[in-house]
């Protein structure tokens, strides 16, 4: 072990920055300075924290490299099954649409596709109906604050 840290701590102690012989304490040797009391423990009274404040103990287990938990994300089984069902449906629908478009799949003669020309007006009507339901309580509250002549 190099002695440069011992010199640094000795110079701090001799200049009055610290008031004990830290290397002697760490190496379990008698103090080298005259007048220094023998240290039984590292003084913890030298603190900038308010009185009564305690510092948490050092962790005993590494939380970043936990060998007990190999999986980073713990997903429940139902989420995995739901994702699989959604992806299977999307992939199957895409393949079906491509095959239908290319003419590989024939639809029955009596099968009728829904009329897509009226969908725009139907969506507009649904949107305006929802908007009126949203506006209704605000109009009622606004009428309560109107001045009556």
Protein backbone atom coordinates (compact mmCIF):
# COMPACT_ATOMS: atom_id res chain seq x y z
CA UNK A 1 0.00 0.00 0.00
CA UNK A 2 1.39 3.41 -0.94
CA UNK A 3 1.98 6.00 1.74
CA UNK A 4 0.79 9.05 -0.23
CA UNK A 5 -2.66 8.89 1.38
CA UNK A 6 -1.00 8.69 4.79
CA UNK A 7 0.95 11.88 4.03
CA UNK A 8 -2.20 13.66 2.88
CA UNK A 9 -4.11 12.71 6.02
CA UNK A 10 -1.12 13.60 8.21
CA UNK A 11 -0.90 17.06 6.65
CA UNK A 12 -4.63 17.61 7.16
CA UNK A 13 -4.28 16.62 10.82
CA UNK A 14 -1.22 18.84 11.36
CA UNK A 15 -2.96 21.87 9.83
CA UNK A 16 -6.00 21.40 12.04
CA UNK A 17 -8.43 20.34 9.34
CA UNK A 18 -8.97 17.01 11.04
CA UNK A 19 -8.27 16.46 14.70
CA UNK A 20 -7.11 12.87 14.81
CA UNK A 21 -4.54 10.64 13.23
CA UNK A 22 -6.60 8.92 10.55
CA UNK A 23 -3.89 6.58 9.20
CA UNK A 24 -3.14 5.40 12.71
CA UNK A 25 -6.82 4.72 13.27
CA UNK A 26 -7.20 2.89 9.97
CA UNK A 27 -4.07 0.81 10.47
CA UNK A 28 -4.94 0.15 14.15
CA UNK A 29 -1.74 1.78 15.43
CA UNK A 30 -1.21 4.26 18.26
CA UNK A 31 -1.67 7.92 17.35
CA UNK A 32 1.48 9.70 16.20
CA UNK A 33 0.57 13.17 17.47
CA UNK A 34 1.13 14.28 21.05
CA UNK A 35 -2.09 15.28 22.75
CA UNK A 36 -4.35 13.22 20.52
CA UNK A 37 -6.63 10.99 22.56
CA UNK A 38 -6.64 7.30 21.75
CA UNK A 39 -9.50 6.69 19.37
CA UNK A 40 -11.92 3.93 20.15
CA UNK A 41 -14.13 4.64 17.15
CA UNK A 42 -14.27 6.95 14.18
CA UNK A 43 -15.88 10.19 15.33
CA UNK A 44 -19.24 10.72 13.69
CA UNK A 45 -20.00 13.99 15.45
CA UNK A 46 -18.22 15.85 12.65
CA UNK A 47 -21.21 16.27 10.40
CA UNK A 48 -22.83 19.02 8.42
CA UNK A 49 -26.20 17.33 8.81
CA UNK A 50 -28.71 18.69 11.31
CA UNK A 51 -28.76 17.09 14.72
CA UNK A 52 -30.79 13.89 14.83
CA UNK A 53 -30.39 13.16 11.11
CA UNK A 54 -29.22 9.66 10.41
CA UNK A 55 -27.68 8.37 7.21
CA UNK A 56 -29.04 5.19 5.65
CA UNK A 57 -26.92 2.09 6.01
CA UNK A 58 -24.98 0.83 3.03
CA UNK A 59 -26.94 -1.69 0.96
CA UNK A 60 -26.05 -5.31 1.54
CA UNK A 61 -27.29 -6.49 -1.86
CA UNK A 62 -26.46 -5.07 -5.26
CA UNK A 63 -29.73 -3.88 -6.78
CA UNK A 64 -28.28 -3.25 -10.24
CA UNK A 65 -26.65 -6.65 -10.68
CA UNK A 66 -29.20 -8.92 -9.06
CA UNK A 67 -28.46 -12.54 -9.97
CA UNK A 68 -31.84 -13.66 -8.56
CA UNK A 69 -33.73 -11.67 -11.18
CA UNK A 70 -32.57 -12.50 -14.71
CA UNK A 71 -35.55 -10.92 -16.46
CA UNK A 72 -35.48 -7.12 -16.77
CA UNK A 73 -39.23 -6.77 -17.36
CA UNK A 74 -41.67 -8.98 -15.51
CA UNK A 75 -44.71 -9.27 -17.77
CA UNK A 76 -47.67 -11.36 -16.63
CA UNK A 77 -48.73 -14.25 -18.80
CA UNK A 78 -52.01 -12.63 -19.85
CA UNK A 79 -50.13 -9.69 -21.41
CA UNK A 80 -47.99 -12.07 -23.43
CA UNK A 81 -51.05 -14.01 -24.63
CA UNK A 82 -52.92 -10.78 -25.49
CA UNK A 83 -49.98 -9.46 -27.50
CA UNK A 84 -49.69 -12.78 -29.31
CA UNK A 85 -53.41 -12.75 -30.16
CA UNK A 86 -53.26 -9.17 -31.43
CA UNK A 87 -50.18 -9.82 -33.56
CA UNK A 88 -51.64 -13.06 -34.94
CA UNK A 89 -54.87 -11.27 -35.88
CA UNK A 90 -52.99 -8.42 -37.57
CA UNK A 91 -50.70 -10.73 -39.52
CA UNK A 92 -53.59 -13.00 -40.54
CA UNK A 93 -55.74 -10.03 -41.59
CA UNK A 94 -52.90 -8.56 -43.64
CA UNK A 95 -52.23 -11.85 -45.41
CA UNK A 96 -55.96 -12.31 -46.06
CA UNK A 97 -56.30 -8.78 -47.47
CA UNK A 98 -53.30 -9.27 -49.77
CA UNK A 99 -54.62 -12.60 -51.03
CA UNK A 100 -58.11 -11.13 -51.55
CA UNK A 101 -56.66 -8.19 -53.44
CA UNK A 102 -54.61 -10.46 -55.73
CA UNK A 103 -57.63 -12.64 -56.42
CA UNK A 104 -56.29 -15.76 -54.73
CA UNK A 105 -59.32 -15.86 -52.41
CA UNK A 106 -62.77 -15.84 -54.01
CA UNK A 107 -65.71 -14.44 -52.07
CA UNK A 108 -69.08 -16.20 -52.38
CA UNK A 109 -71.56 -14.75 -54.90
CA UNK A 110 -74.15 -13.89 -52.25
CA UNK A 111 -71.61 -12.02 -50.06
CA UNK A 112 -72.16 -8.27 -50.24
CA UNK A 113 -69.61 -5.75 -49.08
CA UNK A 114 -71.00 -2.91 -46.94
CA UNK A 115 -71.75 0.35 -48.71
CA UNK A 116 -68.78 2.59 -48.01
CA UNK A 117 -70.29 5.70 -49.63
CA UNK A 118 -72.50 6.46 -46.62
CA UNK A 119 -69.81 5.91 -44.01
CA UNK A 120 -68.67 9.55 -44.15
CA UNK A 121 -72.12 10.91 -43.31
CA UNK A 122 -72.63 8.25 -40.62
CA UNK A 123 -69.33 9.18 -38.93
CA UNK A 124 -70.20 12.87 -39.17
CA UNK A 125 -73.58 12.23 -37.50
CA UNK A 126 -71.98 10.17 -34.74
CA UNK A 127 -69.38 12.88 -34.14
CA UNK A 128 -71.96 15.66 -33.93
CA UNK A 129 -74.11 13.56 -31.55
CA UNK A 130 -71.14 12.99 -29.23
CA UNK A 131 -70.24 16.69 -29.41
CA UNK A 132 -73.75 17.74 -28.40
CA UNK A 133 -73.62 15.40 -25.39
CA UNK A 134 -70.32 16.97 -24.38
CA UNK A 135 -71.61 20.52 -24.89
CA UNK A 136 -74.92 20.01 -23.07
CA UNK A 137 -73.67 20.40 -19.43
CA UNK A 138 -71.54 23.42 -20.33
CA UNK A 139 -74.48 25.16 -22.00
CA UNK A 140 -76.65 24.45 -18.93
CA UNK A 141 -73.98 25.92 -16.60
CA UNK A 142 -73.50 28.92 -18.92
CA UNK A 143 -77.25 29.64 -18.88
CA UNK A 144 -77.16 29.79 -15.07
CA UNK A 145 -74.71 32.70 -15.19
CA UNK A 146 -76.48 34.73 -17.87
CA UNK A 147 -78.05 37.97 -16.76
CA UNK A 148 -81.80 38.02 -17.00
CA UNK A 149 -83.42 41.39 -17.84
